[in-house]
Each structure stands twice: as C-alpha cells, then as structure tokens.
C-alpha cells in the first residue's frame, strides 16, 4: 500500500516522532507505515487522516493486484 505520510508531514514540518506522539503510536510504527512495511488498521488510518485533515484515500493508495 502506497502512502503520502512523508509528504503530509513535510507540509506541516513535523517529524515522525511528532506524528507518532499525536496519534499515540511509536515512531517505529510511523516509519514502518511510511516505508510500506506495515499496513495500518482501519482505525489507525483514520486517525492519521484526521490528524492531517484529509480523507484516508488522500493518504493511502491501494496498489493494483496482478
């Protein structure tokens, strides 16, 4: 799953740690999501989208299945 978390963080000039603290997860969780190594739960995806004041679809993109 692709995501634009890094881009959204850059717009607000916040670190992975800042975002993690705001949504009550570890910095490692944010890092793993950004790198595409971890797919967040629906609730976590909604928390991230709410934090950035955008739709979930604006942050997360489902990659086509072959």
PDB file of N, CA and C in Angstrom:
ATOM      1  N   UNK A   1       0.847  -1.169   0.000  1.00  0.00           N
ATOM      2  CA  UNK A   1       0.000   0.000   0.000  1.00  0.00           C
ATOM      3  C   UNK A   1       0.895   1.235   0.000  1.00  0.00           C
ATOM      4  N   UNK A   2       0.681   2.085  -0.983  1.00  0.00           N
ATOM      5  CA  UNK A   2       1.435   3.338  -1.052  1.00  0.00           C
ATOM      6  C   UNK A   2       0.799   4.355  -0.105  1.00  0.00           C
ATOM      7  N   UNK A   3       1.616   5.311   0.345  1.00  0.00           N
ATOM      8  CA  UNK A   3       1.059   6.362   1.195  1.00  0.00           C
ATOM      9  C   UNK A   3       1.834   7.657   1.019  1.00  0.00           C
ATOM     10  N   UNK A   4       1.225   8.740   1.452  1.00  0.00           N
ATOM     11  CA  UNK A   4       1.834  10.065   1.323  1.00  0.00           C
ATOM     12  C   UNK A   4       2.093  10.695   2.696  1.00  0.00           C
ATOM     13  N   UNK A   5       2.296   9.851   3.688  1.00  0.00           N
ATOM     14  CA  UNK A   5       2.508  10.386   5.036  1.00  0.00           C
ATOM     15  C   UNK A   5       3.725  11.308   5.078  1.00  0.00           C
ATOM     16  N   UNK A   6       4.802  10.901   4.454  1.00  0.00           N
ATOM     17  CA  UNK A   6       6.023  11.728   4.460  1.00  0.00           C
ATOM     18  C   UNK A   6       5.737  13.107   3.859  1.00  0.00           C
ATOM     19  N   UNK A   7       4.987  13.138   2.774  1.00  0.00           N
ATOM     20  CA  UNK A   7       4.628  14.408   2.121  1.00  0.00           C
ATOM     21  C   UNK A   7       3.773  15.261   3.050  1.00  0.00           C
ATOM     22  N   UNK A   8       2.782  14.628   3.660  1.00  0.00           N
ATOM     23  CA  UNK A   8       1.901  15.365   4.583  1.00  0.00           C
ATOM     24  C   UNK A   8       2.691  15.893   5.789  1.00  0.00           C
ATOM     25  N   UNK A   9       3.622  15.101   6.290  1.00  0.00           N
ATOM     26  CA  UNK A   9       4.454  15.568   7.414  1.00  0.00           C
ATOM     27  C   UNK A   9       5.285  16.769   7.002  1.00  0.00           C
ATOM     28  N   UNK A  10       5.820  16.709   5.782  1.00  0.00           N
ATOM     29  CA  UNK A  10       6.663  17.810   5.293  1.00  0.00           C
ATOM     30  C   UNK A  10       5.858  19.103   5.176  1.00  0.00           C
ATOM     31  N   UNK A  11       4.609  18.994   4.755  1.00  0.00           N
ATOM     32  CA  UNK A  11       3.753  20.185   4.643  1.00  0.00           C
ATOM     33  C   UNK A  11       3.599  20.887   5.988  1.00  0.00           C
ATOM     34  N   UNK A  12       3.538  20.084   7.062  1.00  0.00           N
ATOM     35  CA  UNK A  12       3.361  20.652   8.403  1.00  0.00           C
ATOM     36  C   UNK A  12       4.683  20.803   9.153  1.00  0.00           C
ATOM     37  N   UNK A  13       5.766  20.384   8.510  1.00  0.00           N
ATOM     38  CA  UNK A  13       7.097  20.440   9.111  1.00  0.00           C
ATOM     39  C   UNK A  13       7.126  19.723  10.466  1.00  0.00           C
ATOM     40  N   UNK A  14       6.630  18.466  10.472  1.00  0.00           N
ATOM     41  CA  UNK A  14       6.671  17.679  11.693  1.00  0.00           C
ATOM     42  C   UNK A  14       7.485  16.405  11.461  1.00  0.00           C
ATOM     43  N   UNK A  15       8.030  15.880  12.513  1.00  0.00           N
ATOM     44  CA  UNK A  15       8.835  14.668  12.441  1.00  0.00           C
ATOM     45  C   UNK A  15       7.959  13.433  12.604  1.00  0.00           C
ATOM     46  N   UNK A  16       8.555  12.286  12.351  1.00  0.00           N
ATOM     47  CA  UNK A  16       7.862  11.021  12.604  1.00  0.00           C
ATOM     48  C   UNK A  16       7.497  10.931  14.080  1.00  0.00           C
ATOM     49  N   UNK A  17       8.398  11.356  14.932  1.00  0.00           N
ATOM     50  CA  UNK A  17       8.139  11.321  16.380  1.00  0.00           C
ATOM     51  C   UNK A  17       6.964  12.212  16.755  1.00  0.00           C
ATOM     52  N   UNK A  18       6.895  13.398  16.149  1.00  0.00           N
ATOM     53  CA  UNK A  18       5.777  14.320  16.422  1.00  0.00           C
ATOM     54  C   UNK A  18       4.448  13.672  16.054  1.00  0.00           C
ATOM     55  N   UNK A  19       4.391  13.092  14.865  1.00  0.00           N
ATOM     56  CA  UNK A  19       3.157  12.453  14.416  1.00  0.00           C
ATOM     57  C   UNK A  19       2.812  11.270  15.316  1.00  0.00           C
ATOM     58  N   UNK A  20       3.794  10.464  15.620  1.00  0.00           N
ATOM     59  CA  UNK A  20       3.571   9.294  16.473  1.00  0.00           C
ATOM     60  C   UNK A  20       2.987   9.707  17.820  1.00  0.00           C
ATOM     61  N   UNK A  21       3.533  10.742  18.395  1.00  0.00           N
ATOM     62  CA  UNK A  21       3.054  11.222  19.690  1.00  0.00           C
ATOM     63  C   UNK A  21       1.601  11.701  19.594  1.00  0.00           C
ATOM     64  N   UNK A  22       1.281  12.386  18.519  1.00  0.00           N
ATOM     65  CA  UNK A  22      -0.067  12.935  18.357  1.00  0.00           C
ATOM     66  C   UNK A  22      -1.139  11.863  18.189  1.00  0.00           C
ATOM     67  N   UNK A  23      -0.774  10.722  17.597  1.00  0.00           N
ATOM     68  CA  UNK A  23      -1.786   9.683  17.372  1.00  0.00           C
ATOM     69  C   UNK A  23      -1.549   8.447  18.250  1.00  0.00           C
ATOM     70  N   UNK A  24      -0.660   8.593  19.219  1.00  0.00           N
ATOM     71  CA  UNK A  24      -0.416   7.554  20.230  1.00  0.00           C
ATOM     72  C   UNK A  24       0.079   6.220  19.677  1.00  0.00           C
ATOM     73  N   UNK A  25       1.101   6.306  18.819  1.00  0.00           N
ATOM     74  CA  UNK A  25       1.796   5.114  18.348  1.00  0.00           C
ATOM     75  C   UNK A  25       3.289   5.377  18.472  1.00  0.00           C
ATOM     76  N   UNK A  26       4.098   4.373  18.187  1.00  0.00           N
ATOM     77  CA  UNK A  26       5.551   4.567  18.263  1.00  0.00           C
ATOM     78  C   UNK A  26       6.076   5.191  16.970  1.00  0.00           C
ATOM     79  N   UNK A  27       7.241   5.789  17.076  1.00  0.00           N
ATOM     80  CA  UNK A  27       7.910   6.334  15.893  1.00  0.00           C
ATOM     81  C   UNK A  27       8.170   5.203  14.905  1.00  0.00           C
ATOM     82  N   UNK A  28       8.504   4.021  15.425  1.00  0.00           N
ATOM     83  CA  UNK A  28       8.773   2.867  14.578  1.00  0.00           C
ATOM     84  C   UNK A  28       7.546   2.496  13.742  1.00  0.00           C
ATOM     85  N   UNK A  29       6.361   2.640  14.315  1.00  0.00           N
ATOM     86  CA  UNK A  29       5.136   2.358  13.574  1.00  0.00           C
ATOM     87  C   UNK A  29       4.996   3.308  12.390  1.00  0.00           C
ATOM     88  N   UNK A  30       5.234   4.581  12.621  1.00  0.00           N
ATOM     89  CA  UNK A  30       5.153   5.572  11.540  1.00  0.00           C
ATOM     90  C   UNK A  30       6.189   5.263  10.469  1.00  0.00           C
ATOM     91  N   UNK A  31       7.406   4.962  10.888  1.00  0.00           N
ATOM     92  CA  UNK A  31       8.473   4.624   9.948  1.00  0.00           C
ATOM     93  C   UNK A  31       8.076   3.414   9.102  1.00  0.00           C
ATOM     94  N   UNK A  32       7.544   2.384   9.735  1.00  0.00           N
ATOM     95  CA  UNK A  32       7.152   1.167   9.020  1.00  0.00           C
ATOM     96  C   UNK A  32       6.017   1.420   8.030  1.00  0.00           C
ATOM     97  N   UNK A  33       5.071   2.255   8.423  1.00  0.00           N
ATOM     98  CA  UNK A  33       3.975   2.592   7.508  1.00  0.00           C
ATOM     99  C   UNK A  33       4.518   3.377   6.320  1.00  0.00           C
ATOM    100  N   UNK A  34       5.348   4.374   6.579  1.00  0.00           N
ATOM    101  CA  UNK A  34       5.907   5.191   5.504  1.00  0.00           C
ATOM    102  C   UNK A  34       6.678   4.347   4.501  1.00  0.00           C
ATOM    103  N   UNK A  35       7.412   3.362   4.990  1.00  0.00           N
ATOM    104  CA  UNK A  35       8.225   2.512   4.113  1.00  0.00           C
ATOM    105  C   UNK A  35       7.412   1.411   3.442  1.00  0.00           C
ATOM    106  N   UNK A  36       6.132   1.303   3.803  1.00  0.00           N
ATOM    107  CA  UNK A  36       5.289   0.284   3.207  1.00  0.00           C
ATOM    108  C   UNK A  36       5.479  -1.103   3.780  1.00  0.00           C
ATOM    109  N   UNK A  37       6.137  -1.177   4.936  1.00  0.00           N
ATOM    110  CA  UNK A  37       6.379  -2.470   5.568  1.00  0.00           C
ATOM    111  C   UNK A  37       5.244  -2.886   6.496  1.00  0.00           C
ATOM    112  N   UNK A  38       4.379  -1.940   6.834  1.00  0.00           N
ATOM    113  CA  UNK A  38       3.273  -2.202   7.742  1.00  0.00           C
ATOM    114  C   UNK A  38       2.033  -1.510   7.216  1.00  0.00           C
ATOM    115  N   UNK A  39       0.947  -2.254   7.133  1.00  0.00           N
ATOM    116  CA  UNK A  39      -0.334  -1.692   6.720  1.00  0.00           C
ATOM    117  C   UNK A  39      -1.128  -1.379   7.982  1.00  0.00           C
ATOM    118  N   UNK A  40      -1.496  -0.113   8.160  1.00  0.00           N
ATOM    119  CA  UNK A  40      -2.194   0.255   9.388  1.00  0.00           C
ATOM    120  C   UNK A  40      -3.610  -0.314   9.439  1.00  0.00           C
ATOM    121  N   UNK A  41      -4.112  -0.458  10.644  1.00  0.00           N
ATOM    122  CA  UNK A  41      -5.506  -0.859  10.821  1.00  0.00           C
ATOM    123  C   UNK A  41      -6.390   0.271  10.296  1.00  0.00           C
ATOM    124  N   UNK A  42      -7.637  -0.032  10.107  1.00  0.00           N
ATOM    125  CA  UNK A  42      -8.591   0.986   9.658  1.00  0.00           C
ATOM    126  C   UNK A  42      -8.632   2.148  10.643  1.00  0.00           C
ATOM    127  N   UNK A  43      -8.649   1.832  11.915  1.00  0.00           N
ATOM    128  CA  UNK A  43      -8.706   2.883  12.938  1.00  0.00           C
ATOM    129  C   UNK A  43      -7.466   3.762  12.888  1.00  0.00           C
ATOM    130  N   UNK A  44      -6.299   3.153  12.754  1.00  0.00           N
ATOM    131  CA  UNK A  44      -5.067   3.936  12.693  1.00  0.00           C
ATOM    132  C   UNK A  44      -5.037   4.784  11.425  1.00  0.00           C
ATOM    133  N   UNK A  45      -5.459   4.238  10.310  1.00  0.00           N
ATOM    134  CA  UNK A  45      -5.504   5.008   9.062  1.00  0.00           C
ATOM    135  C   UNK A  45      -6.439   6.207   9.212  1.00  0.00           C
ATOM    136  N   UNK A  46      -7.566   6.003   9.874  1.00  0.00           N
ATOM    137  CA  UNK A  46      -8.499   7.115  10.111  1.00  0.00           C
ATOM    138  C   UNK A  46      -7.893   8.169  11.030  1.00  0.00           C
ATOM    139  N   UNK A  47      -7.170   7.742  12.055  1.00  0.00           N
ATOM    140  CA  UNK A  47      -6.512   8.699  12.960  1.00  0.00           C
ATOM    141  C   UNK A  47      -5.486   9.544  12.210  1.00  0.00           C
ATOM    142  N   UNK A  48      -4.719   8.893  11.342  1.00  0.00           N
ATOM    143  CA  UNK A  48      -3.704   9.618  10.561  1.00  0.00           C
ATOM    144  C   UNK A  48      -4.387  10.625   9.639  1.00  0.00           C
ATOM    145  N   UNK A  49      -5.421  10.190   8.944  1.00  0.00           N
ATOM    146  CA  UNK A  49      -6.140  11.093   8.037  1.00  0.00           C
ATOM    147  C   UNK A  49      -6.761  12.253   8.809  1.00  0.00           C
ATOM    148  N   UNK A  50      -7.352  11.968   9.946  1.00  0.00           N
ATOM    149  CA  UNK A  50      -7.965  13.024  10.756  1.00  0.00           C
ATOM    150  C   UNK A  50      -6.910  14.033  11.210  1.00  0.00           C
ATOM    151  N   UNK A  51      -5.745  13.536  11.603  1.00  0.00           N
ATOM    152  CA  UNK A  51      -4.683  14.434  12.043  1.00  0.00           C
ATOM    153  C   UNK A  51      -4.318  15.426  10.932  1.00  0.00           C
ATOM    154  N   UNK A  52      -4.207  14.904   9.702  1.00  0.00           N
ATOM    155  CA  UNK A  52      -3.823  15.763   8.572  1.00  0.00           C
ATOM    156  C   UNK A  52      -5.019  16.489   7.944  1.00  0.00           C
ATOM    157  N   UNK A  53      -6.238  16.208   8.454  1.00  0.00           N
ATOM    158  CA  UNK A  53      -7.461  16.848   7.949  1.00  0.00           C
ATOM    159  C   UNK A  53      -7.689  16.568   6.462  1.00  0.00           C
ATOM    160  N   UNK A  54      -7.481  15.303   6.106  1.00  0.00           N
ATOM    161  CA  UNK A  54      -7.715  14.844   4.736  1.00  0.00           C
ATOM    162  C   UNK A  54      -8.462  13.513   4.787  1.00  0.00           C
ATOM    163  N   UNK A  55      -8.903  13.038   3.629  1.00  0.00           N
ATOM    164  CA  UNK A  55      -9.557  11.740   3.561  1.00  0.00           C
ATOM    165  C   UNK A  55      -8.502  10.625   3.598  1.00  0.00           C
ATOM    166  N   UNK A  56      -8.905   9.472   4.060  1.00  0.00           N
ATOM    167  CA  UNK A  56      -7.990   8.320   4.079  1.00  0.00           C
ATOM    168  C   UNK A  56      -7.436   8.074   2.672  1.00  0.00           C
ATOM    169  N   UNK A  57      -8.301   8.193   1.663  1.00  0.00           N
ATOM    170  CA  UNK A  57      -7.895   7.957   0.278  1.00  0.00           C
ATOM    171  C   UNK A  57      -6.844   8.957  -0.209  1.00  0.00           C
ATOM    172  N   UNK A  58      -6.749  10.101   0.463  1.00  0.00           N
ATOM    173  CA  UNK A  58      -5.740  11.099   0.095  1.00  0.00           C
ATOM    174  C   UNK A  58      -4.360  10.706   0.616  1.00  0.00           C
ATOM    175  N   UNK A  59      -4.314   9.824   1.591  1.00  0.00           N
ATOM    176  CA  UNK A  59      -3.040   9.404   2.175  1.00  0.00           C
ATOM    177  C   UNK A  59      -2.638   7.999   1.734  1.00  0.00           C
ATOM    178  N   UNK A  60      -3.616   7.100   1.682  1.00  0.00           N
ATOM    179  CA  UNK A  60      -3.323   5.704   1.366  1.00  0.00           C
ATOM    180  C   UNK A  60      -3.895   5.322   0.012  1.00  0.00           C
ATOM    181  N   UNK A  61      -3.059   4.631  -0.778  1.00  0.00           N
ATOM    182  CA  UNK A  61      -3.478   4.185  -2.107  1.00  0.00           C
ATOM    183  C   UNK A  61      -3.241   2.692  -2.218  1.00  0.00           C
ATOM    184  N   UNK A  62      -4.300   1.983  -2.516  1.00  0.00           N
ATOM    185  CA  UNK A  62      -4.203   0.550  -2.691  1.00  0.00           C
ATOM    186  C   UNK A  62      -3.540   0.261  -4.024  1.00  0.00           C
ATOM    187  N   UNK A  63      -2.488  -0.539  -4.004  1.00  0.00           N
ATOM    188  CA  UNK A  63      -1.793  -0.879  -5.238  1.00  0.00           C
ATOM    189  C   UNK A  63      -2.573  -1.963  -5.978  1.00  0.00           C
ATOM    190  N   UNK A  64      -2.590  -1.911  -7.296  1.00  0.00           N
ATOM    191  CA  UNK A  64      -3.331  -2.914  -8.058  1.00  0.00           C
ATOM    192  C   UNK A  64      -2.757  -4.318  -7.851  1.00  0.00           C
ATOM    193  N   UNK A  65      -3.655  -5.281  -7.799  1.00  0.00           N
ATOM    194  CA  UNK A  65      -3.231  -6.666  -7.667  1.00  0.00           C
ATOM    195  C   UNK A  65      -3.025  -7.250  -9.044  1.00  0.00           C
ATOM    196  N   UNK A  66      -1.966  -7.999  -9.211  1.00  0.00           N
ATOM    197  CA  UNK A  66      -1.674  -8.614 -10.523  1.00  0.00           C
ATOM    198  C   UNK A  66      -2.316  -9.961 -10.653  1.00  0.00           C
TER     199      UNK A  66
END
